Amino acid sequence: MSKYWIYFKYRLVFFLFLLIPLSYIHAQGDAKKKIIKLISYNVYWGMKQDSTKDKSKFAEWIRKQDPDILALQEMNGFTAGIYEFAPEGANPKNLRKLAESYGHPYCVIVREPSTDGSVTFPVAITSKYPIVNVHRVLDNNIHGYIEAEIEGYHFIVTHFHPFSSEKRGYEVDQILATIQSKPSNDKWLFMGDLNSVSPLDKSAYKDNKLRNFIREDRKKRPYNLNLGKDNELDYTIQQKILDFGFIDALRLFHPEFEATAPTKLFYDQSKSPVRYDYLYVSGNMKKDLIKCDVIKDEFTDLYSDHYPVVLYFNN
């Protein structure tokens, strides 16, 4: 055997030896990838329509959906449930108990029920994974918002002002300024009932049914200031989010208009189809997105005035 053949053989063995650990590492990396399922849902007055004990009907629906993370709006009457026993005479709805019943050991609510009995429409988030670096923001926000991290992603869960376009402008500016103050490579998910229309949906509102409904509603409810200064639909709130670089996940996967209200229950802000529920992601997440849909089924038809939005993405 020539010395050249021996040299070649040893080089080949050495090369194959290098390939084995590299392929193993690659396989291990793929194994660590997982798909995260996120649902954002305005549940209407603390899931008022579910009169079962401990909201068992709602919990059953969530178990079937099996989201990894659940963002909730209008969690009226819910307490964080951090104490084992409620004060004597109190009958709060326990968020922790509810979350644990559908497999989420971690939960955050933006505030406890008001002691004076006023309705505050708090937002909340529950998760299979630890929720860390939590900030509950109530200043300058009618319903508040939660900023938190889960699995390395940054979340904003909010519910914008339902009757003032001007105040929604303040709310969105505050959230975008918060995001702007953080590292530019962070991955963000920004969601909730934003009570405003998107310029991406302009063609769906060209019949002016929504605009006319709001104009008529203002005669009964003078505090309904949902139109812009020109007495037309105000697209500026959603335009700010888009201009910031966020991706409208539902629109990305559904180029045609997808309404999130009204359901078969009712909706007091429009009789025609409208999209007020959004799930935005930062631009650096676009390649991670798998699909986004509005969930319409026998439960969501009747248990809230909004339909939930679901997003699947690769971690």
Protein backbone atom coordinates (compact mmCIF):
# COMPACT_ATOMS: atom_id res chain seq x y z
CA MET A 1 0.00 0.00 0.00
CA SER A 2 1.50 3.32 -1.03
CA LYS A 3 2.11 6.05 1.47
CA TYR A 4 -0.25 8.27 -0.56
CA TRP A 5 -3.15 5.84 -0.12
CA ILE A 6 -2.46 5.58 3.62
CA TYR A 7 -2.42 9.38 3.84
CA PHE A 8 -5.71 9.64 1.93
CA LYS A 9 -7.36 6.97 4.10
CA TYR A 10 -6.47 8.74 7.33
CA ARG A 11 -7.66 12.08 5.95
CA LEU A 12 -10.99 10.47 4.99
CA VAL A 13 -11.44 8.93 8.44
CA PHE A 14 -10.63 12.27 10.07
CA PHE A 15 -13.14 14.07 7.84
CA LEU A 16 -15.91 11.57 8.65
CA PHE A 17 -15.10 11.90 12.33
CA LEU A 18 -15.72 15.63 12.05
CA LEU A 19 -19.04 15.14 10.27
CA ILE A 20 -20.51 12.92 12.98
CA PRO A 21 -20.59 15.48 15.79
CA LEU A 22 -21.69 18.24 13.40
CA SER A 23 -24.68 16.24 12.19
CA TYR A 24 -25.48 15.30 15.77
CA ILE A 25 -25.43 18.93 16.85
CA HIS A 26 -27.67 19.86 13.90
CA ALA A 27 -30.14 17.13 14.83
CA GLN A 28 -30.13 18.26 18.44
CA GLY A 29 -30.81 21.83 17.32
CA ASP A 30 -33.82 20.74 15.28
CA ALA A 31 -35.11 18.71 18.22
CA LYS A 32 -35.08 21.83 20.41
CA LYS A 33 -37.29 23.74 17.97
CA LYS A 34 -40.93 23.89 18.95
CA ILE A 35 -44.10 25.45 17.68
CA ILE A 36 -45.76 27.95 20.02
CA LYS A 37 -49.51 28.46 19.85
CA LEU A 38 -50.80 31.82 21.04
CA ILE A 39 -54.44 32.87 21.39
CA SER A 40 -55.67 36.40 22.07
CA TYR A 41 -59.32 36.62 23.18
CA ASN A 42 -61.65 39.34 24.44
CA VAL A 43 -63.92 37.18 26.59
CA TYR A 44 -66.70 39.70 27.30
CA TRP A 45 -67.07 40.76 30.93
CA GLY A 46 -65.00 37.96 32.44
CA MET A 47 -66.60 35.23 30.31
CA LYS A 48 -69.99 36.29 31.68
CA GLN A 49 -71.84 33.95 29.34
CA ASP A 50 -70.32 30.89 31.01
CA SER A 51 -72.38 30.44 34.17
CA THR A 52 -70.81 27.09 35.13
CA LYS A 53 -68.84 26.72 38.36
CA ASP A 54 -65.26 27.92 37.96
CA LYS A 55 -65.96 28.72 34.28
CA SER A 56 -65.61 25.02 33.47
CA LYS A 57 -67.12 25.37 29.99
CA PHE A 58 -64.54 28.01 29.10
CA ALA A 59 -61.74 25.93 30.62
CA GLU A 60 -62.85 22.91 28.60
CA TRP A 61 -62.68 24.94 25.39
CA ILE A 62 -59.17 26.16 26.20
CA ARG A 63 -58.00 22.61 26.98
CA LYS A 64 -59.20 21.50 23.56
CA GLN A 65 -57.43 24.43 21.91
CA ASP A 66 -54.30 23.71 23.98
CA PRO A 67 -52.53 27.06 23.53
CA ASP A 68 -49.08 27.55 25.00
CA ILE A 69 -49.93 31.18 25.80
CA LEU A 70 -53.33 32.83 26.24
CA ALA A 71 -53.83 36.62 26.22
CA LEU A 72 -57.17 37.74 27.65
CA GLN A 73 -59.13 40.98 27.68
CA GLU A 74 -62.14 41.99 29.80
CA MET A 75 -61.26 39.74 32.75
CA ASN A 76 -63.79 41.55 34.93
CA GLY A 77 -64.13 40.24 38.49
CA PHE A 78 -61.02 38.08 38.35
CA THR A 79 -58.37 38.19 41.05
CA ALA A 80 -54.79 37.02 40.52
CA GLY A 81 -55.51 34.19 42.95
CA ILE A 82 -52.13 34.40 44.68
CA TYR A 83 -53.71 33.73 48.08
CA GLU A 84 -55.20 30.39 48.98
CA PHE A 85 -58.18 31.93 50.74
CA ALA A 86 -60.22 34.96 49.76
CA PRO A 87 -61.31 37.50 52.41
CA GLU A 88 -64.47 36.60 54.28
CA GLY A 89 -67.56 37.41 52.27
CA ALA A 90 -65.64 37.87 49.03
CA ASN A 91 -66.48 35.82 45.97
CA PRO A 92 -63.79 36.60 43.41
CA LYS A 93 -63.14 34.62 40.25
CA ASN A 94 -59.68 33.10 40.65
CA LEU A 95 -57.45 33.49 37.59
CA ARG A 96 -54.79 31.14 38.94
CA LYS A 97 -57.36 28.42 39.59
CA LEU A 98 -58.84 28.87 36.11
CA ALA A 99 -55.42 28.82 34.43
CA GLU A 100 -54.33 25.71 36.29
CA SER A 101 -57.54 23.97 35.23
CA TYR A 102 -56.45 24.18 31.58
CA GLY A 103 -52.77 23.43 32.18
CA HIS A 104 -51.22 26.89 32.61
CA PRO A 105 -49.29 27.18 35.89
CA TYR A 106 -48.28 30.80 35.21
CA CYS A 107 -50.62 33.79 35.04
CA VAL A 108 -50.60 37.58 35.36
CA ILE A 109 -53.49 40.05 35.55
CA VAL A 110 -52.96 43.78 35.19
CA ARG A 111 -54.93 44.62 38.37
CA GLU A 112 -57.16 43.19 41.08
CA PRO A 113 -60.89 43.97 41.14
CA SER A 114 -61.66 47.49 42.30
CA THR A 115 -62.66 47.82 45.96
CA ASP A 116 -65.40 50.31 45.07
CA GLY A 117 -67.07 47.87 42.69
CA SER A 118 -66.27 49.77 39.51
CA VAL A 119 -65.67 47.74 36.35
CA THR A 120 -62.10 48.03 35.07
CA PHE A 121 -61.89 45.54 32.17
CA PRO A 122 -58.42 44.21 33.08
CA VAL A 123 -56.17 42.31 30.68
CA ALA A 124 -54.38 39.10 31.62
CA ILE A 125 -51.98 36.51 30.27
CA THR A 126 -51.54 32.83 31.17
CA SER A 127 -48.86 30.42 30.01
CA LYS A 128 -47.40 26.94 30.12
CA TYR A 129 -44.01 28.59 30.50
CA PRO A 130 -42.68 31.04 33.11
CA ILE A 131 -43.76 34.66 32.68
CA VAL A 132 -40.85 36.90 33.65
CA ASN A 133 -39.86 40.58 33.77
CA VAL A 134 -43.50 41.58 34.20
CA HIS A 135 -44.59 45.22 34.08
CA ARG A 136 -48.19 46.16 34.79
CA VAL A 137 -48.93 49.59 33.35
CA LEU A 138 -52.07 51.48 34.39
CA ASP A 139 -50.99 55.09 34.00
CA ASN A 140 -52.50 56.85 30.97
CA ASN A 141 -54.34 53.67 29.93
CA ILE A 142 -58.03 53.06 30.49
CA HIS A 143 -57.63 49.29 30.80
CA GLY A 144 -53.88 49.07 31.29
CA TYR A 145 -51.41 46.80 29.58
CA ILE A 146 -49.06 43.99 30.51
CA GLU A 147 -45.48 43.87 29.30
CA ALA A 148 -43.76 40.54 29.95
CA GLU A 149 -41.32 37.97 28.59
CA ILE A 150 -42.06 34.32 27.83
CA GLU A 151 -39.52 31.94 26.30
CA GLY A 152 -37.36 34.89 25.26
CA TYR A 153 -40.20 36.74 23.50
CA HIS A 154 -41.56 40.12 24.61
CA PHE A 155 -45.33 40.45 24.94
CA ILE A 156 -47.67 43.42 25.11
CA VAL A 157 -51.29 42.61 25.99
CA THR A 158 -53.71 45.52 26.00
CA HIS A 159 -57.25 46.74 25.37
CA PHE A 160 -57.51 50.24 23.93
CA HIS A 161 -60.08 52.86 24.85
CA PRO A 162 -63.50 51.84 23.46
CA PHE A 163 -64.94 55.32 22.87
CA SER A 164 -62.18 57.80 22.09
CA SER A 165 -59.94 57.83 19.06
CA GLU A 166 -57.86 60.58 20.62
CA LYS A 167 -57.17 58.58 23.80
CA ARG A 168 -56.31 55.49 21.78
CA GLY A 169 -53.65 57.63 20.12
CA TYR A 170 -52.08 58.34 23.52
CA GLU A 171 -52.21 54.65 24.43
CA VAL A 172 -50.53 53.42 21.27
CA ASP A 173 -47.86 56.12 21.50
CA GLN A 174 -47.01 55.02 25.03
CA ILE A 175 -46.67 51.36 24.03
CA LEU A 176 -44.57 52.10 20.96
CA ALA A 177 -42.33 54.39 23.02
CA THR A 178 -41.87 51.54 25.50
CA ILE A 179 -40.84 49.16 22.73
CA GLN A 180 -38.59 51.81 21.16
CA SER A 181 -36.67 52.09 24.45
CA LYS A 182 -35.67 48.39 24.37
CA PRO A 183 -32.93 46.63 22.34
CA SER A 184 -33.75 46.69 18.63
CA ASN A 185 -33.20 42.93 18.17
CA ASP A 186 -35.85 41.92 20.72
CA LYS A 187 -38.77 39.93 19.34
CA TRP A 188 -42.17 41.44 20.18
CA LEU A 189 -45.78 40.28 20.05
CA PHE A 190 -48.36 43.05 20.51
CA MET A 191 -52.00 42.00 20.83
CA GLY A 192 -55.47 42.70 22.08
CA ASP A 193 -58.77 44.40 21.38
CA LEU A 194 -57.47 47.66 19.90
CA ASN A 195 -60.92 49.13 19.15
CA SER A 196 -59.75 50.69 15.89
CA VAL A 197 -59.67 50.02 12.18
CA SER A 198 -56.68 49.16 10.03
CA PRO A 199 -55.76 50.84 6.73
CA LEU A 200 -55.22 47.29 5.44
CA ASP A 201 -58.99 46.79 5.76
CA LYS A 202 -60.13 49.99 4.05
CA SER A 203 -61.87 48.15 1.24
CA ALA A 204 -64.04 46.30 3.78
CA TYR A 205 -65.39 49.59 5.14
CA LYS A 206 -65.91 51.47 1.88
CA ASP A 207 -69.68 50.91 2.12
CA ASN A 208 -69.61 53.32 5.12
CA LYS A 209 -71.83 51.04 7.22
CA LEU A 210 -69.43 51.19 10.17
CA ARG A 211 -68.96 54.94 9.90
CA ASN A 212 -72.70 55.53 9.71
CA PHE A 213 -73.35 53.23 12.65
CA ILE A 214 -70.92 55.21 14.81
CA ARG A 215 -72.49 58.51 13.72
CA GLU A 216 -75.95 57.24 14.69
CA ASP A 217 -74.70 55.71 17.93
CA ARG A 218 -73.23 59.06 18.98
CA LYS A 219 -76.76 60.47 19.09
CA LYS A 220 -77.57 57.97 21.84
CA ARG A 221 -74.12 57.91 23.42
CA PRO A 222 -72.48 61.34 23.03
CA TYR A 223 -69.29 59.94 24.55
CA ASN A 224 -68.79 57.75 21.46
CA LEU A 225 -65.87 59.65 19.91
CA ASN A 226 -64.60 56.78 17.79
CA LEU A 227 -64.44 58.71 14.53
CA GLY A 228 -61.55 60.93 13.55
CA LYS A 229 -61.55 64.72 13.53
CA ASP A 230 -63.08 64.70 10.06
CA ASN A 231 -66.01 62.59 11.32
CA GLU A 232 -64.71 59.66 9.27
CA LEU A 233 -63.15 56.35 10.28
CA ASP A 234 -59.77 56.88 11.93
CA TYR A 235 -57.03 54.66 10.53
CA THR A 236 -54.17 56.49 12.25
CA ILE A 237 -53.91 54.21 15.30
CA GLN A 238 -53.20 51.07 13.28
CA GLN A 239 -51.09 53.05 10.79
CA LYS A 240 -48.73 54.01 13.62
CA ILE A 241 -48.21 50.34 14.48
CA LEU A 242 -47.58 49.40 10.87
CA ASP A 243 -45.22 52.35 10.36
CA PHE A 244 -43.28 51.18 13.42
CA GLY A 245 -42.48 48.00 11.51
CA PHE A 246 -44.93 45.55 13.05
CA ILE A 247 -46.51 42.81 10.94
CA ASP A 248 -50.26 42.26 11.07
CA ALA A 249 -50.15 38.46 11.39
CA LEU A 250 -53.77 37.83 10.44
CA ARG A 251 -53.50 39.96 7.31
CA LEU A 252 -50.25 38.23 6.36
CA PHE A 253 -52.02 34.88 6.10
CA HIS A 254 -55.45 36.19 5.08
CA PRO A 255 -55.10 38.86 2.37
CA GLU A 256 -58.89 39.05 2.27
CA PHE A 257 -60.74 40.74 5.13
CA GLU A 258 -61.37 38.57 8.22
CA ALA A 259 -63.81 40.04 10.76
CA THR A 260 -63.44 39.42 14.51
CA ALA A 261 -66.91 40.78 15.39
CA PRO A 262 -69.83 40.58 15.65
CA THR A 263 -70.33 37.02 16.83
CA LYS A 264 -73.71 35.31 16.92
CA LEU A 265 -74.06 36.66 20.47
CA PHE A 266 -74.08 40.38 19.65
CA TYR A 267 -71.79 43.40 19.37
CA ASP A 268 -72.71 46.88 20.51
CA GLN A 269 -70.16 48.80 18.41
CA SER A 270 -71.16 47.57 14.99
CA LYS A 271 -73.85 45.61 13.21
CA SER A 272 -71.65 44.97 10.19
CA PRO A 273 -68.41 42.91 10.14
CA VAL A 274 -65.49 44.65 11.81
CA ARG A 275 -61.94 43.77 12.84
CA TYR A 276 -60.86 45.30 16.14
CA ASP A 277 -58.79 42.34 17.46
CA TYR A 278 -55.17 42.25 16.34
CA LEU A 279 -52.07 40.14 16.76
CA TYR A 280 -48.95 42.01 15.67
CA VAL A 281 -45.36 40.74 15.61
CA SER A 282 -42.10 42.62 15.14
CA GLY A 283 -40.53 42.42 11.70
CA ASN A 284 -37.71 40.15 12.88
CA MET A 285 -40.28 37.41 13.57
CA LYS A 286 -41.72 37.16 10.06
CA LYS A 287 -39.70 34.07 9.11
CA ASP A 288 -40.89 32.30 12.29
CA LEU A 289 -44.61 32.63 11.55
CA ILE A 290 -46.56 29.53 10.51
CA LYS A 291 -50.21 30.60 10.38
CA CYS A 292 -52.75 32.95 11.95
CA ASP A 293 -56.53 32.55 12.00
CA VAL A 294 -59.76 33.74 13.59
CA ILE A 295 -61.29 30.90 15.62
CA LYS A 296 -64.97 30.50 14.78
CA ASP A 297 -66.72 27.49 16.29
CA GLU A 298 -69.80 26.59 18.34
CA PHE A 299 -68.23 27.97 21.51
CA THR A 300 -66.82 31.24 20.18
CA ASP A 301 -70.05 31.95 18.28
CA LEU A 302 -71.96 32.39 21.54
CA TYR A 303 -69.70 33.02 24.52
CA SER A 304 -68.28 36.44 23.67
CA ASP A 305 -68.99 39.37 21.39
CA HIS A 306 -65.49 38.98 19.88
CA TYR A 307 -63.86 36.04 18.15
CA PRO A 308 -60.36 35.03 19.29
CA VAL A 309 -57.26 35.22 17.08
CA VAL A 310 -54.71 32.39 17.07
CA LEU A 311 -51.08 32.49 15.94
CA TYR A 312 -48.62 29.62 15.45
CA PHE A 313 -44.91 30.40 15.29
CA ASN A 314 -41.57 28.58 15.51
CA ASN A 315 -39.52 29.12 18.62
